[in-house]
């Protein structure tokens, strides 16, 4: 992405970023399902309270 630190105006910065995003090569498709690498939370037993 383009370096927009020097641009003070917000709308101008957005324009530069959008044009840079359009020019960039498209990202490759994922080789795995989204969220599949997230650590799963273990469920507490019914007898155990929350506190």
PDB file of N, CA and C in Angstrom:
ATOM      1  N   UNK A   1       0.846  -1.180   0.000  1.00  0.00           N
ATOM      2  CA  UNK A   1       0.000   0.000   0.000  1.00  0.00           C
ATOM      3  C   UNK A   1       0.893   1.246   0.000  1.00  0.00           C
ATOM      4  N   UNK A   2       0.360   2.313  -0.536  1.00  0.00           N
ATOM      5  CA  UNK A   2       1.107   3.562  -0.639  1.00  0.00           C
ATOM      6  C   UNK A   2       1.355   4.172   0.739  1.00  0.00           C
ATOM      7  N   UNK A   3       2.504   4.827   0.891  1.00  0.00           N
ATOM      8  CA  UNK A   3       2.836   5.490   2.156  1.00  0.00           C
ATOM      9  C   UNK A   3       2.125   6.841   2.171  1.00  0.00           C
ATOM     10  N   UNK A   4       1.166   7.024   3.091  1.00  0.00           N
ATOM     11  CA  UNK A   4       0.363   8.246   3.118  1.00  0.00           C
ATOM     12  C   UNK A   4       0.614   9.080   4.375  1.00  0.00           C
ATOM     13  N   UNK A   5       1.779   8.878   5.026  1.00  0.00           N
ATOM     14  CA  UNK A   5       2.071   9.630   6.256  1.00  0.00           C
ATOM     15  C   UNK A   5       2.227  11.119   5.978  1.00  0.00           C
ATOM     16  N   UNK A   6       2.755  11.467   4.812  1.00  0.00           N
ATOM     17  CA  UNK A   6       3.008  12.867   4.492  1.00  0.00           C
ATOM     18  C   UNK A   6       1.749  13.645   4.133  1.00  0.00           C
ATOM     19  N   UNK A   7       0.653  12.949   3.779  1.00  0.00           N
ATOM     20  CA  UNK A   7      -0.594  13.616   3.377  1.00  0.00           C
ATOM     21  C   UNK A   7      -1.432  13.922   4.620  1.00  0.00           C
ATOM     22  N   UNK A   8      -1.723  15.199   4.816  1.00  0.00           N
ATOM     23  CA  UNK A   8      -2.472  15.625   6.005  1.00  0.00           C
ATOM     24  C   UNK A   8      -3.982  15.550   5.795  1.00  0.00           C
ATOM     25  N   UNK A   9      -4.449  15.870   4.566  1.00  0.00           N
ATOM     26  CA  UNK A   9      -5.877  15.889   4.274  1.00  0.00           C
ATOM     27  C   UNK A   9      -6.441  14.468   4.213  1.00  0.00           C
ATOM     28  N   UNK A  10      -7.497  14.224   4.983  1.00  0.00           N
ATOM     29  CA  UNK A  10      -8.076  12.878   5.097  1.00  0.00           C
ATOM     30  C   UNK A  10      -8.645  12.366   3.779  1.00  0.00           C
ATOM     31  N   UNK A  11      -9.397  13.219   3.073  1.00  0.00           N
ATOM     32  CA  UNK A  11     -10.027  12.788   1.821  1.00  0.00           C
ATOM     33  C   UNK A  11      -8.983  12.494   0.755  1.00  0.00           C
ATOM     34  N   UNK A  12      -7.931  13.305   0.728  1.00  0.00           N
ATOM     35  CA  UNK A  12      -6.844  13.096  -0.239  1.00  0.00           C
ATOM     36  C   UNK A  12      -6.115  11.783   0.053  1.00  0.00           C
ATOM     37  N   UNK A  13      -5.914  11.515   1.320  1.00  0.00           N
ATOM     38  CA  UNK A  13      -5.239  10.283   1.751  1.00  0.00           C
ATOM     39  C   UNK A  13      -6.060   9.058   1.350  1.00  0.00           C
ATOM     40  N   UNK A  14      -7.402   9.153   1.490  1.00  0.00           N
ATOM     41  CA  UNK A  14      -8.298   8.064   1.108  1.00  0.00           C
ATOM     42  C   UNK A  14      -8.209   7.792  -0.393  1.00  0.00           C
ATOM     43  N   UNK A  15      -8.174   8.859  -1.186  1.00  0.00           N
ATOM     44  CA  UNK A  15      -8.077   8.718  -2.633  1.00  0.00           C
ATOM     45  C   UNK A  15      -6.802   7.981  -3.033  1.00  0.00           C
ATOM     46  N   UNK A  16      -5.681   8.375  -2.426  1.00  0.00           N
ATOM     47  CA  UNK A  16      -4.387   7.757  -2.736  1.00  0.00           C
ATOM     48  C   UNK A  16      -4.404   6.281  -2.359  1.00  0.00           C
ATOM     49  N   UNK A  17      -4.975   5.971  -1.203  1.00  0.00           N
ATOM     50  CA  UNK A  17      -5.029   4.581  -0.738  1.00  0.00           C
ATOM     51  C   UNK A  17      -5.915   3.730  -1.648  1.00  0.00           C
ATOM     52  N   UNK A  18      -7.054   4.270  -2.073  1.00  0.00           N
ATOM     53  CA  UNK A  18      -7.976   3.527  -2.938  1.00  0.00           C
ATOM     54  C   UNK A  18      -7.350   3.213  -4.290  1.00  0.00           C
ATOM     55  N   UNK A  19      -6.660   4.216  -4.861  1.00  0.00           N
ATOM     56  CA  UNK A  19      -6.014   3.987  -6.162  1.00  0.00           C
ATOM     57  C   UNK A  19      -4.899   2.954  -6.028  1.00  0.00           C
ATOM     58  N   UNK A  20      -4.172   2.976  -4.915  1.00  0.00           N
ATOM     59  CA  UNK A  20      -3.106   2.006  -4.678  1.00  0.00           C
ATOM     60  C   UNK A  20      -3.693   0.606  -4.526  1.00  0.00           C
ATOM     61  N   UNK A  21      -4.843   0.513  -3.881  1.00  0.00           N
ATOM     62  CA  UNK A  21      -5.499  -0.775  -3.665  1.00  0.00           C
ATOM     63  C   UNK A  21      -5.981  -1.363  -5.002  1.00  0.00           C
ATOM     64  N   UNK A  22      -6.468  -0.486  -5.889  1.00  0.00           N
ATOM     65  CA  UNK A  22      -6.953  -0.940  -7.194  1.00  0.00           C
ATOM     66  C   UNK A  22      -5.801  -1.427  -8.075  1.00  0.00           C
ATOM     67  N   UNK A  23      -4.635  -0.766  -7.961  1.00  0.00           N
ATOM     68  CA  UNK A  23      -3.473  -1.129  -8.771  1.00  0.00           C
ATOM     69  C   UNK A  23      -2.807  -2.410  -8.273  1.00  0.00           C
ATOM     70  N   UNK A  24      -2.942  -2.714  -6.984  1.00  0.00           N
ATOM     71  CA  UNK A  24      -2.290  -3.889  -6.398  1.00  0.00           C
ATOM     72  C   UNK A  24      -2.829  -5.184  -6.988  1.00  0.00           C
ATOM     73  N   UNK A  25      -1.973  -6.195  -7.022  1.00  0.00           N
ATOM     74  CA  UNK A  25      -2.374  -7.503  -7.541  1.00  0.00           C
ATOM     75  C   UNK A  25      -3.387  -8.138  -6.598  1.00  0.00           C
ATOM     76  N   UNK A  26      -4.372  -8.887  -7.124  1.00  0.00           N
ATOM     77  CA  UNK A  26      -5.371  -9.509  -6.253  1.00  0.00           C
ATOM     78  C   UNK A  26      -4.750 -10.577  -5.359  1.00  0.00           C
ATOM     79  N   UNK A  27      -5.269 -10.680  -4.162  1.00  0.00           N
ATOM     80  CA  UNK A  27      -4.759 -11.666  -3.210  1.00  0.00           C
ATOM     81  C   UNK A  27      -5.172 -13.068  -3.646  1.00  0.00           C
ATOM     82  N   UNK A  28      -4.344 -14.046  -3.330  1.00  0.00           N
ATOM     83  CA  UNK A  28      -4.644 -15.430  -3.678  1.00  0.00           C
ATOM     84  C   UNK A  28      -5.731 -15.967  -2.764  1.00  0.00           C
ATOM     85  N   UNK A  29      -6.473 -16.959  -3.262  1.00  0.00           N
ATOM     86  CA  UNK A  29      -7.522 -17.574  -2.452  1.00  0.00           C
ATOM     87  C   UNK A  29      -6.889 -18.322  -1.284  1.00  0.00           C
ATOM     88  N   UNK A  30      -7.633 -18.429  -0.191  1.00  0.00           N
ATOM     89  CA  UNK A  30      -7.122 -19.142   0.992  1.00  0.00           C
ATOM     90  C   UNK A  30      -7.037 -20.633   0.720  1.00  0.00           C
ATOM     91  N   UNK A  31      -6.024 -21.259   1.302  1.00  0.00           N
ATOM     92  CA  UNK A  31      -5.889 -22.711   1.160  1.00  0.00           C
ATOM     93  C   UNK A  31      -6.532 -23.430   2.344  1.00  0.00           C
ATOM     94  N   UNK A  32      -7.149 -22.656   3.243  1.00  0.00           N
ATOM     95  CA  UNK A  32      -7.819 -23.223   4.423  1.00  0.00           C
ATOM     96  C   UNK A  32      -9.053 -22.380   4.725  1.00  0.00           C
ATOM     97  N   UNK A  33      -9.977 -22.927   5.478  1.00  0.00           N
ATOM     98  CA  UNK A  33     -11.214 -22.223   5.813  1.00  0.00           C
ATOM     99  C   UNK A  33     -10.932 -21.103   6.805  1.00  0.00           C
ATOM    100  N   UNK A  34     -11.650 -19.999   6.663  1.00  0.00           N
ATOM    101  CA  UNK A  34     -11.486 -18.873   7.589  1.00  0.00           C
ATOM    102  C   UNK A  34     -11.887 -19.296   8.997  1.00  0.00           C
ATOM    103  N   UNK A  35     -11.059 -18.972   9.972  1.00  0.00           N
ATOM    104  CA  UNK A  35     -11.379 -19.280  11.358  1.00  0.00           C
ATOM    105  C   UNK A  35     -11.042 -20.695  11.763  1.00  0.00           C
ATOM    106  N   UNK A  36     -10.555 -21.507  10.834  1.00  0.00           N
ATOM    107  CA  UNK A  36     -10.257 -22.903  11.170  1.00  0.00           C
ATOM    108  C   UNK A  36      -9.001 -23.019  12.031  1.00  0.00           C
ATOM    109  N   UNK A  37      -8.136 -22.016  11.984  1.00  0.00           N
ATOM    110  CA  UNK A  37      -6.898 -22.048  12.762  1.00  0.00           C
ATOM    111  C   UNK A  37      -7.063 -21.414  14.143  1.00  0.00           C
ATOM    112  N   UNK A  38      -8.269 -20.942  14.440  1.00  0.00           N
ATOM    113  CA  UNK A  38      -8.544 -20.344  15.749  1.00  0.00           C
ATOM    114  C   UNK A  38      -8.569 -21.423  16.820  1.00  0.00           C
ATOM    115  N   UNK A  39      -8.028 -21.093  17.987  1.00  0.00           N
ATOM    116  CA  UNK A  39      -8.051 -22.053  19.095  1.00  0.00           C
ATOM    117  C   UNK A  39      -9.470 -22.149  19.627  1.00  0.00           C
ATOM    118  N   UNK A  40      -9.980 -23.361  19.769  1.00  0.00           N
ATOM    119  CA  UNK A  40     -11.346 -23.524  20.251  1.00  0.00           C
ATOM    120  C   UNK A  40     -11.374 -23.461  21.772  1.00  0.00           C
ATOM    121  N   UNK A  41     -12.461 -22.915  22.316  1.00  0.00           N
ATOM    122  CA  UNK A  41     -12.626 -22.769  23.760  1.00  0.00           C
ATOM    123  C   UNK A  41     -13.293 -24.017  24.304  1.00  0.00           C
ATOM    124  N   UNK A  42     -12.705 -24.586  25.342  1.00  0.00           N
ATOM    125  CA  UNK A  42     -13.269 -25.795  25.953  1.00  0.00           C
ATOM    126  C   UNK A  42     -14.506 -25.409  26.758  1.00  0.00           C
ATOM    127  N   UNK A  43     -15.581 -26.197  26.631  1.00  0.00           N
ATOM    128  CA  UNK A  43     -16.811 -25.912  27.352  1.00  0.00           C
ATOM    129  C   UNK A  43     -16.713 -26.482  28.761  1.00  0.00           C
ATOM    130  N   UNK A  44     -17.186 -25.724  29.741  1.00  0.00           N
ATOM    131  CA  UNK A  44     -17.209 -26.181  31.126  1.00  0.00           C
ATOM    132  C   UNK A  44     -18.368 -27.157  31.323  1.00  0.00           C
ATOM    133  N   UNK A  45     -18.216 -28.056  32.228  1.00  0.00           N
ATOM    134  CA  UNK A  45     -19.281 -29.024  32.508  1.00  0.00           C
ATOM    135  C   UNK A  45     -20.513 -28.359  33.096  1.00  0.00           C
ATOM    136  N   UNK A  46     -21.652 -29.008  33.028  1.00  0.00           N
ATOM    137  CA  UNK A  46     -22.900 -28.426  33.528  1.00  0.00           C
ATOM    138  C   UNK A  46     -22.874 -28.194  35.027  1.00  0.00           C
ATOM    139  N   UNK A  47     -22.173 -29.037  35.780  1.00  0.00           N
ATOM    140  CA  UNK A  47     -22.157 -28.919  37.243  1.00  0.00           C
ATOM    141  C   UNK A  47     -21.289 -27.735  37.695  1.00  0.00           C
ATOM    142  N   UNK A  48     -20.352 -27.337  36.871  1.00  0.00           N
ATOM    143  CA  UNK A  48     -19.452 -26.251  37.259  1.00  0.00           C
ATOM    144  C   UNK A  48     -20.135 -24.908  37.050  1.00  0.00           C
ATOM    145  N   UNK A  49     -20.076 -24.052  38.071  1.00  0.00           N
ATOM    146  CA  UNK A  49     -20.649 -22.721  37.964  1.00  0.00           C
ATOM    147  C   UNK A  49     -19.715 -21.785  37.227  1.00  0.00           C
ATOM    148  N   UNK A  50     -20.212 -20.613  36.907  1.00  0.00           N
ATOM    149  CA  UNK A  50     -19.389 -19.635  36.194  1.00  0.00           C
ATOM    150  C   UNK A  50     -18.436 -18.912  37.145  1.00  0.00           C
ATOM    151  N   UNK A  51     -18.759 -18.923  38.440  1.00  0.00           N
ATOM    152  CA  UNK A  51     -17.907 -18.186  39.384  1.00  0.00           C
ATOM    153  C   UNK A  51     -17.012 -19.121  40.161  1.00  0.00           C
TER     154      UNK A  51
END
